[in-house]
Each structure stands twice: as C-alpha cells, then as structure tokens.
Amino acid sequence: MNATSRRPITVEDLWAFRRIGAPAASPDGSLIIFPVTAFDMEKNEGKTRLYRMHANGEPTPLTSADVGWRAPRRTPSWRRS
C-alpha cells in the first residue's frame, strides 16, 4: 500500500473486524478453545462462534455461525479430541 491509497478507518471497517475473545486451554496446553465475534452493522448485532485449535493446527469451528455463544470454560472432564 502506498501513501496515496491510505485512508482513515471508518465505522464500517470497525464493524467488519472480527474480535477474538479470551481463550481457554486444555490442562496440558495442547488444545485451545476461543470465541470469535463477528458483527452485522445492518442488524446491529454480533454473533460469537467457538473455535478449537490444536497447538500446531488450524482453527476449526465448534459452533454454527447462526447461533451466538459466549466465552468457553474448561471443565474437569475436558478431553483432547
């Protein structure tokens, strides 16, 4: 990007950003569950999906994009899968 193509960040840009929430790690640290919230400016709402990521892997969605979720919590029975 050169100096002539720069522009200020707009409100629409901010609404387009996805926001990553606080992660929850498995006891051995090999697996992380984390929320990612995407916003819809026209609907004036955000929906959060939970993702799973192994230490050396790509994130995998755990929840549907159509349903909103909150921050993950680890339970004693949480197992690596």
PDB file of N, CA and C in Angstrom:
ATOM      1  N   MET A   1       0.849  -1.171   0.000  1.00  0.00           N
ATOM      2  CA  MET A   1       0.000   0.000   0.000  1.00  0.00           C
ATOM      3  C   MET A   1       0.895   1.234   0.000  1.00  0.00           C
ATOM      4  N   ASN A   2       0.632   2.162  -0.902  1.00  0.00           N
ATOM      5  CA  ASN A   2       1.423   3.387  -0.921  1.00  0.00           C
ATOM      6  C   ASN A   2       0.659   4.519  -0.228  1.00  0.00           C
ATOM      7  N   ALA A   3       1.326   5.650  -0.042  1.00  0.00           N
ATOM      8  CA  ALA A   3       0.750   6.761   0.713  1.00  0.00           C
ATOM      9  C   ALA A   3      -0.515   7.315   0.068  1.00  0.00           C
ATOM     10  N   THR A   4      -0.643   7.217  -1.251  1.00  0.00           N
ATOM     11  CA  THR A   4      -1.833   7.768  -1.911  1.00  0.00           C
ATOM     12  C   THR A   4      -3.054   6.874  -1.758  1.00  0.00           C
ATOM     13  N   SER A   5      -2.876   5.600  -1.411  1.00  0.00           N
ATOM     14  CA  SER A   5      -4.027   4.707  -1.269  1.00  0.00           C
ATOM     15  C   SER A   5      -4.489   4.563   0.184  1.00  0.00           C
ATOM     16  N   ARG A   6      -3.849   5.251   1.114  1.00  0.00           N
ATOM     17  CA  ARG A   6      -4.257   5.180   2.513  1.00  0.00           C
ATOM     18  C   ARG A   6      -5.507   6.014   2.741  1.00  0.00           C
ATOM     19  N   ARG A   7      -6.302   5.550   3.717  1.00  0.00           N
ATOM     20  CA  ARG A   7      -7.491   6.306   4.101  1.00  0.00           C
ATOM     21  C   ARG A   7      -7.748   6.068   5.578  1.00  0.00           C
ATOM     22  N   PRO A   8      -8.494   6.930   6.212  1.00  0.00           N
ATOM     23  CA  PRO A   8      -8.798   6.710   7.627  1.00  0.00           C
ATOM     24  C   PRO A   8      -9.702   5.487   7.800  1.00  0.00           C
ATOM     25  N   ILE A   9      -9.633   4.862   8.971  1.00  0.00           N
ATOM     26  CA  ILE A   9     -10.537   3.755   9.295  1.00  0.00           C
ATOM     27  C   ILE A   9     -11.936   4.318   9.477  1.00  0.00           C
ATOM     28  N   THR A  10     -12.913   3.629   8.911  1.00  0.00           N
ATOM     29  CA  THR A  10     -14.304   4.069   9.018  1.00  0.00           C
ATOM     30  C   THR A  10     -15.058   3.211  10.032  1.00  0.00           C
ATOM     31  N   VAL A  11     -16.258   3.639  10.356  1.00  0.00           N
ATOM     32  CA  VAL A  11     -17.123   2.857  11.240  1.00  0.00           C
ATOM     33  C   VAL A  11     -17.417   1.502  10.597  1.00  0.00           C
ATOM     34  N   GLU A  12     -17.614   1.498   9.301  1.00  0.00           N
ATOM     35  CA  GLU A  12     -17.880   0.243   8.592  1.00  0.00           C
ATOM     36  C   GLU A  12     -16.701  -0.718   8.718  1.00  0.00           C
ATOM     37  N   ASP A  13     -15.476  -0.185   8.663  1.00  0.00           N
ATOM     38  CA  ASP A  13     -14.281  -1.011   8.850  1.00  0.00           C
ATOM     39  C   ASP A  13     -14.290  -1.655  10.235  1.00  0.00           C
ATOM     40  N   LEU A  14     -14.604  -0.874  11.249  1.00  0.00           N
ATOM     41  CA  LEU A  14     -14.615  -1.405  12.624  1.00  0.00           C
ATOM     42  C   LEU A  14     -15.660  -2.495  12.792  1.00  0.00           C
ATOM     43  N   TRP A  15     -16.824  -2.315  12.187  1.00  0.00           N
ATOM     44  CA  TRP A  15     -17.858  -3.346  12.267  1.00  0.00           C
ATOM     45  C   TRP A  15     -17.425  -4.615  11.534  1.00  0.00           C
ATOM     46  N   ALA A  16     -16.584  -4.486  10.514  1.00  0.00           N
ATOM     47  CA  ALA A  16     -16.147  -5.653   9.729  1.00  0.00           C
ATOM     48  C   ALA A  16     -15.084  -6.484  10.445  1.00  0.00           C
ATOM     49  N   PHE A  17     -14.385  -5.911  11.424  1.00  0.00           N
ATOM     50  CA  PHE A  17     -13.371  -6.671  12.165  1.00  0.00           C
ATOM     51  C   PHE A  17     -14.017  -7.762  12.994  1.00  0.00           C
ATOM     52  N   ARG A  18     -13.408  -8.931  12.999  1.00  0.00           N
ATOM     53  CA  ARG A  18     -13.814  -9.980  13.933  1.00  0.00           C
ATOM     54  C   ARG A  18     -13.010  -9.780  15.207  1.00  0.00           C
ATOM     55  N   ARG A  19     -13.638 -10.063  16.329  1.00  0.00           N
ATOM     56  CA  ARG A  19     -12.960  -9.869  17.607  1.00  0.00           C
ATOM     57  C   ARG A  19     -12.769 -11.207  18.292  1.00  0.00           C
ATOM     58  N   ILE A  20     -11.526 -11.483  18.687  1.00  0.00           N
ATOM     59  CA  ILE A  20     -11.189 -12.733  19.360  1.00  0.00           C
ATOM     60  C   ILE A  20     -11.249 -12.503  20.851  1.00  0.00           C
ATOM     61  N   GLY A  21     -11.970 -13.383  21.550  1.00  0.00           N
ATOM     62  CA  GLY A  21     -12.120 -13.270  22.994  1.00  0.00           C
ATOM     63  C   GLY A  21     -11.080 -14.088  23.743  1.00  0.00           C
ATOM     64  N   ALA A  22     -11.269 -14.170  25.040  1.00  0.00           N
ATOM     65  CA  ALA A  22     -10.327 -14.872  25.916  1.00  0.00           C
ATOM     66  C   ALA A  22     -10.332 -16.375  25.633  1.00  0.00           C
ATOM     67  N   PRO A  23      -9.153 -16.956  25.439  1.00  0.00           N
ATOM     68  CA  PRO A  23      -9.066 -18.397  25.172  1.00  0.00           C
ATOM     69  C   PRO A  23      -9.130 -19.214  26.459  1.00  0.00           C
ATOM     70  N   ALA A  24      -9.499 -20.469  26.311  1.00  0.00           N
ATOM     71  CA  ALA A  24      -9.456 -21.440  27.407  1.00  0.00           C
ATOM     72  C   ALA A  24      -8.608 -22.609  26.923  1.00  0.00           C
ATOM     73  N   ALA A  25      -7.561 -22.953  27.667  1.00  0.00           N
ATOM     74  CA  ALA A  25      -6.634 -24.012  27.259  1.00  0.00           C
ATOM     75  C   ALA A  25      -6.921 -25.304  27.998  1.00  0.00           C
ATOM     76  N   SER A  26      -6.633 -26.425  27.337  1.00  0.00           N
ATOM     77  CA  SER A  26      -6.727 -27.728  27.990  1.00  0.00           C
ATOM     78  C   SER A  26      -5.627 -27.806  29.055  1.00  0.00           C
ATOM     79  N   PRO A  27      -5.748 -28.709  30.014  1.00  0.00           N
ATOM     80  CA  PRO A  27      -4.758 -28.799  31.085  1.00  0.00           C
ATOM     81  C   PRO A  27      -3.318 -28.960  30.596  1.00  0.00           C
ATOM     82  N   ASP A  28      -3.119 -29.689  29.498  1.00  0.00           N
ATOM     83  CA  ASP A  28      -1.752 -29.882  29.002  1.00  0.00           C
ATOM     84  C   ASP A  28      -1.334 -28.816  27.992  1.00  0.00           C
ATOM     85  N   GLY A  29      -2.215 -27.863  27.683  1.00  0.00           N
ATOM     86  CA  GLY A  29      -1.890 -26.766  26.782  1.00  0.00           C
ATOM     87  C   GLY A  29      -1.880 -27.119  25.310  1.00  0.00           C
ATOM     88  N   SER A  30      -2.289 -28.327  24.957  1.00  0.00           N
ATOM     89  CA  SER A  30      -2.235 -28.747  23.559  1.00  0.00           C
ATOM     90  C   SER A  30      -3.458 -28.322  22.749  1.00  0.00           C
ATOM     91  N   LEU A  31      -4.514 -27.894  23.422  1.00  0.00           N
ATOM     92  CA  LEU A  31      -5.762 -27.532  22.753  1.00  0.00           C
ATOM     93  C   LEU A  31      -6.279 -26.231  23.341  1.00  0.00           C
ATOM     94  N   ILE A  32      -6.745 -25.358  22.477  1.00  0.00           N
ATOM     95  CA  ILE A  32      -7.297 -24.081  22.909  1.00  0.00           C
ATOM     96  C   ILE A  32      -8.682 -23.923  22.295  1.00  0.00           C
ATOM     97  N   ILE A  33      -9.631 -23.477  23.112  1.00  0.00           N
ATOM     98  CA  ILE A  33     -10.964 -23.117  22.638  1.00  0.00           C
ATOM     99  C   ILE A  33     -11.067 -21.601  22.809  1.00  0.00           C
ATOM    100  N   PHE A  34     -11.551 -20.912  21.765  1.00  0.00           N
ATOM    101  CA  PHE A  34     -11.648 -19.454  21.872  1.00  0.00           C
ATOM    102  C   PHE A  34     -12.854 -18.944  21.094  1.00  0.00           C
ATOM    103  N   PRO A  35     -13.450 -17.847  21.580  1.00  0.00           N
ATOM    104  CA  PRO A  35     -14.594 -17.256  20.883  1.00  0.00           C
ATOM    105  C   PRO A  35     -14.152 -16.207  19.876  1.00  0.00           C
ATOM    106  N   VAL A  36     -14.866 -16.139  18.754  1.00  0.00           N
ATOM    107  CA  VAL A  36     -14.639 -15.106  17.744  1.00  0.00           C
ATOM    108  C   VAL A  36     -16.003 -14.480  17.445  1.00  0.00           C
ATOM    109  N   THR A  37     -16.095 -13.166  17.643  1.00  0.00           N
ATOM    110  CA  THR A  37     -17.353 -12.463  17.416  1.00  0.00           C
ATOM    111  C   THR A  37     -17.283 -11.666  16.122  1.00  0.00           C
ATOM    112  N   ALA A  38     -18.309 -11.859  15.286  1.00  0.00           N
ATOM    113  CA  ALA A  38     -18.465 -11.096  14.052  1.00  0.00           C
ATOM    114  C   ALA A  38     -19.712 -10.235  14.200  1.00  0.00           C
ATOM    115  N   PHE A  39     -19.668  -9.025  13.669  1.00  0.00           N
ATOM    116  CA  PHE A  39     -20.774  -8.090  13.817  1.00  0.00           C
ATOM    117  C   PHE A  39     -21.437  -7.813  12.482  1.00  0.00           C
ATOM    118  N   ASP A  40     -22.738  -7.589  12.546  1.00  0.00           N
ATOM    119  CA  ASP A  40     -23.532  -7.207  11.383  1.00  0.00           C
ATOM    120  C   ASP A  40     -24.048  -5.799  11.646  1.00  0.00           C
ATOM    121  N   MET A  41     -23.522  -4.830  10.911  1.00  0.00           N
ATOM    122  CA  MET A  41     -23.877  -3.433  11.137  1.00  0.00           C
ATOM    123  C   MET A  41     -25.355  -3.160  10.833  1.00  0.00           C
ATOM    124  N   GLU A  42     -25.860  -3.773   9.778  1.00  0.00           N
ATOM    125  CA  GLU A  42     -27.264  -3.531   9.404  1.00  0.00           C
ATOM    126  C   GLU A  42     -28.235  -4.079  10.443  1.00  0.00           C
ATOM    127  N   LYS A  43     -27.915  -5.247  11.008  1.00  0.00           N
ATOM    128  CA  LYS A  43     -28.774  -5.844  12.041  1.00  0.00           C
ATOM    129  C   LYS A  43     -28.455  -5.313  13.434  1.00  0.00           C
ATOM    130  N   ASN A  44     -27.327  -4.600  13.554  1.00  0.00           N
ATOM    131  CA  ASN A  44     -26.871  -4.068  14.831  1.00  0.00           C
ATOM    132  C   ASN A  44     -26.750  -5.177  15.873  1.00  0.00           C
ATOM    133  N   GLU A  45     -26.045  -6.258  15.470  1.00  0.00           N
ATOM    134  CA  GLU A  45     -25.860  -7.377  16.384  1.00  0.00           C
ATOM    135  C   GLU A  45     -24.542  -8.087  16.104  1.00  0.00           C
ATOM    136  N   GLY A  46     -24.103  -8.806  17.094  1.00  0.00           N
ATOM    137  CA  GLY A  46     -22.911  -9.622  16.954  1.00  0.00           C
ATOM    138  C   GLY A  46     -23.243 -11.069  17.269  1.00  0.00           C
ATOM    139  N   LYS A  47     -22.561 -11.974  16.611  1.00  0.00           N
ATOM    140  CA  LYS A  47     -22.700 -13.415  16.893  1.00  0.00           C
ATOM    141  C   LYS A  47     -21.317 -13.978  17.148  1.00  0.00           C
ATOM    142  N   THR A  48     -21.248 -14.819  18.157  1.00  0.00           N
ATOM    143  CA  THR A  48     -19.973 -15.398  18.563  1.00  0.00           C
ATOM    144  C   THR A  48     -19.957 -16.880  18.255  1.00  0.00           C
ATOM    145  N   ARG A  49     -18.880 -17.322  17.621  1.00  0.00           N
ATOM    146  CA  ARG A  49     -18.652 -18.751  17.358  1.00  0.00           C
ATOM    147  C   ARG A  49     -17.476 -19.195  18.198  1.00  0.00           C
ATOM    148  N   LEU A  50     -17.536 -20.433  18.633  1.00  0.00           N
ATOM    149  CA  LEU A  50     -16.405 -21.021  19.344  1.00  0.00           C
ATOM    150  C   LEU A  50     -15.561 -21.811  18.356  1.00  0.00           C
ATOM    151  N   TYR A  51     -14.248 -21.679  18.498  1.00  0.00           N
ATOM    152  CA  TYR A  51     -13.290 -22.392  17.653  1.00  0.00           C
ATOM    153  C   TYR A  51     -12.366 -23.232  18.515  1.00  0.00           C
ATOM    154  N   ARG A  52     -11.886 -24.323  17.941  1.00  0.00           N
ATOM    155  CA  ARG A  52     -10.908 -25.196  18.591  1.00  0.00           C
ATOM    156  C   ARG A  52      -9.640 -25.146  17.758  1.00  0.00           C
ATOM    157  N   MET A  53      -8.497 -25.107  18.454  1.00  0.00           N
ATOM    158  CA  MET A  53      -7.231 -25.109  17.739  1.00  0.00           C
ATOM    159  C   MET A  53      -6.207 -25.908  18.525  1.00  0.00           C
ATOM    160  N   HIS A  54      -5.608 -26.900  17.859  1.00  0.00           N
ATOM    161  CA  HIS A  54      -4.508 -27.647  18.450  1.00  0.00           C
ATOM    162  C   HIS A  54      -3.247 -26.797  18.323  1.00  0.00           C
ATOM    163  N   ALA A  55      -2.256 -27.074  19.135  1.00  0.00           N
ATOM    164  CA  ALA A  55      -1.045 -26.247  19.212  1.00  0.00           C
ATOM    165  C   ALA A  55      -0.430 -25.953  17.839  1.00  0.00           C
ATOM    166  N   ASN A  56      -0.388 -26.919  16.952  1.00  0.00           N
ATOM    167  CA  ASN A  56       0.236 -26.721  15.639  1.00  0.00           C
ATOM    168  C   ASN A  56      -0.758 -26.882  14.497  1.00  0.00           C
ATOM    169  N   GLY A  57      -1.997 -26.451  14.711  1.00  0.00           N
ATOM    170  CA  GLY A  57      -3.006 -26.674  13.692  1.00  0.00           C
ATOM    171  C   GLY A  57      -3.769 -25.423  13.318  1.00  0.00           C
ATOM    172  N   GLU A  58      -4.722 -25.603  12.450  1.00  0.00           N
ATOM    173  CA  GLU A  58      -5.605 -24.527  12.009  1.00  0.00           C
ATOM    174  C   GLU A  58      -6.850 -24.506  12.894  1.00  0.00           C
ATOM    175  N   PRO A  59      -7.444 -23.337  13.101  1.00  0.00           N
ATOM    176  CA  PRO A  59      -8.681 -23.263  13.882  1.00  0.00           C
ATOM    177  C   PRO A  59      -9.816 -24.005  13.188  1.00  0.00           C
ATOM    178  N   THR A  60     -10.640 -24.690  13.980  1.00  0.00           N
ATOM    179  CA  THR A  60     -11.804 -25.412  13.490  1.00  0.00           C
ATOM    180  C   THR A  60     -13.033 -24.906  14.230  1.00  0.00           C
ATOM    181  N   PRO A  61     -14.099 -24.492  13.515  1.00  0.00           N
ATOM    182  CA  PRO A  61     -15.291 -24.030  14.214  1.00  0.00           C
ATOM    183  C   PRO A  61     -15.970 -25.172  14.975  1.00  0.00           C
ATOM    184  N   LEU A  62     -16.397 -24.877  16.188  1.00  0.00           N
ATOM    185  CA  LEU A  62     -17.129 -25.852  17.000  1.00  0.00           C
ATOM    186  C   LEU A  62     -18.627 -25.574  16.998  1.00  0.00           C
ATOM    187  N   THR A  63     -19.002 -24.341  16.712  1.00  0.00           N
ATOM    188  CA  THR A  63     -20.405 -23.946  16.769  1.00  0.00           C
ATOM    189  C   THR A  63     -20.841 -23.364  15.433  1.00  0.00           C
ATOM    190  N   SER A  64     -22.123 -23.315  15.231  1.00  0.00           N
ATOM    191  CA  SER A  64     -22.704 -22.795  13.996  1.00  0.00           C
ATOM    192  C   SER A  64     -22.580 -21.278  13.930  1.00  0.00           C
ATOM    193  N   ALA A  65     -22.486 -20.758  12.739  1.00  0.00           N
ATOM    194  CA  ALA A  65     -22.444 -19.302  12.552  1.00  0.00           C
ATOM    195  C   ALA A  65     -23.803 -18.678  12.838  1.00  0.00           C
ATOM    196  N   ASP A  66     -24.860 -19.499  12.868  1.00  0.00           N
ATOM    197  CA  ASP A  66     -26.220 -18.996  13.075  1.00  0.00           C
ATOM    198  C   ASP A  66     -26.599 -18.840  14.546  1.00  0.00           C
ATOM    199  N   VAL A  67     -25.779 -19.361  15.441  1.00  0.00           N
ATOM    200  CA  VAL A  67     -26.105 -19.343  16.866  1.00  0.00           C
ATOM    201  C   VAL A  67     -25.027 -18.582  17.607  1.00  0.00           C
ATOM    202  N   GLY A  68     -25.420 -17.697  18.504  1.00  0.00           N
ATOM    203  CA  GLY A  68     -24.445 -16.954  19.295  1.00  0.00           C
ATOM    204  C   GLY A  68     -24.022 -17.748  20.533  1.00  0.00           C
ATOM    205  N   TRP A  69     -22.745 -17.671  20.897  1.00  0.00           N
ATOM    206  CA  TRP A  69     -22.203 -18.347  22.072  1.00  0.00           C
ATOM    207  C   TRP A  69     -21.419 -17.358  22.897  1.00  0.00           C
ATOM    208  N   ARG A  70     -20.997 -17.752  24.060  1.00  0.00           N
ATOM    209  CA  ARG A  70     -20.224 -16.889  24.950  1.00  0.00           C
ATOM    210  C   ARG A  70     -18.843 -17.478  25.175  1.00  0.00           C
ATOM    211  N   ALA A  71     -18.146 -16.971  26.164  1.00  0.00           N
ATOM    212  CA  ALA A  71     -16.782 -17.401  26.460  1.00  0.00           C
ATOM    213  C   ALA A  71     -16.734 -18.862  26.899  1.00  0.00           C
ATOM    214  N   PRO A  72     -15.723 -19.605  26.437  1.00  0.00           N
ATOM    215  CA  PRO A  72     -15.597 -21.017  26.814  1.00  0.00           C
ATOM    216  C   PRO A  72     -15.106 -21.163  28.250  1.00  0.00           C
ATOM    217  N   ARG A  73     -15.457 -22.275  28.867  1.00  0.00           N
ATOM    218  CA  ARG A  73     -14.982 -22.614  30.209  1.00  0.00           C
ATOM    219  C   ARG A  73     -14.538 -24.066  30.194  1.00  0.00           C
ATOM    220  N   ARG A  74     -13.412 -24.334  30.799  1.00  0.00           N
ATOM    221  CA  ARG A  74     -12.905 -25.694  30.875  1.00  0.00           C
ATOM    222  C   ARG A  74     -13.539 -26.403  32.052  1.00  0.00           C
ATOM    223  N   THR A  75     -13.899 -27.653  31.845  1.00  0.00           N
ATOM    224  CA  THR A  75     -14.422 -28.476  32.931  1.00  0.00           C
ATOM    225  C   THR A  75     -13.412 -29.581  33.214  1.00  0.00           C
ATOM    226  N   PRO A  76     -13.475 -30.191  34.385  1.00  0.00           N
ATOM    227  CA  PRO A  76     -12.528 -31.278  34.705  1.00  0.00           C
ATOM    228  C   PRO A  76     -12.586 -32.444  33.721  1.00  0.00           C
ATOM    229  N   SER A  77     -13.716 -32.630  33.059  1.00  0.00           N
ATOM    230  CA  SER A  77     -13.863 -33.771  32.132  1.00  0.00           C
ATOM    231  C   SER A  77     -13.397 -33.440  30.724  1.00  0.00           C
ATOM    232  N   TRP A  78     -12.881 -32.253  30.476  1.00  0.00           N
ATOM    233  CA  TRP A  78     -12.461 -31.849  29.134  1.00  0.00           C
ATOM    234  C   TRP A  78     -11.318 -32.751  28.674  1.00  0.00           C
ATOM    235  N   ARG A  79     -11.528 -33.402  27.534  1.00  0.00           N
ATOM    236  CA  ARG A  79     -10.522 -34.308  26.987  1.00  0.00           C
ATOM    237  C   ARG A  79     -10.069 -33.830  25.635  1.00  0.00           C
ATOM    238  N   ARG A  80      -8.896 -34.218  25.284  1.00  0.00           N
ATOM    239  CA  ARG A  80      -8.361 -33.901  23.960  1.00  0.00           C
ATOM    240  C   ARG A  80      -9.089 -34.727  22.914  1.00  0.00           C
ATOM    241  N   SER A  81      -9.485 -34.077  21.818  1.00  0.00           N
ATOM    242  CA  SER A  81     -10.142 -34.828  20.737  1.00  0.00           C
ATOM    243  C   SER A  81      -9.540 -34.460  19.401  1.00  0.00           C
TER     244      SER A  81
END
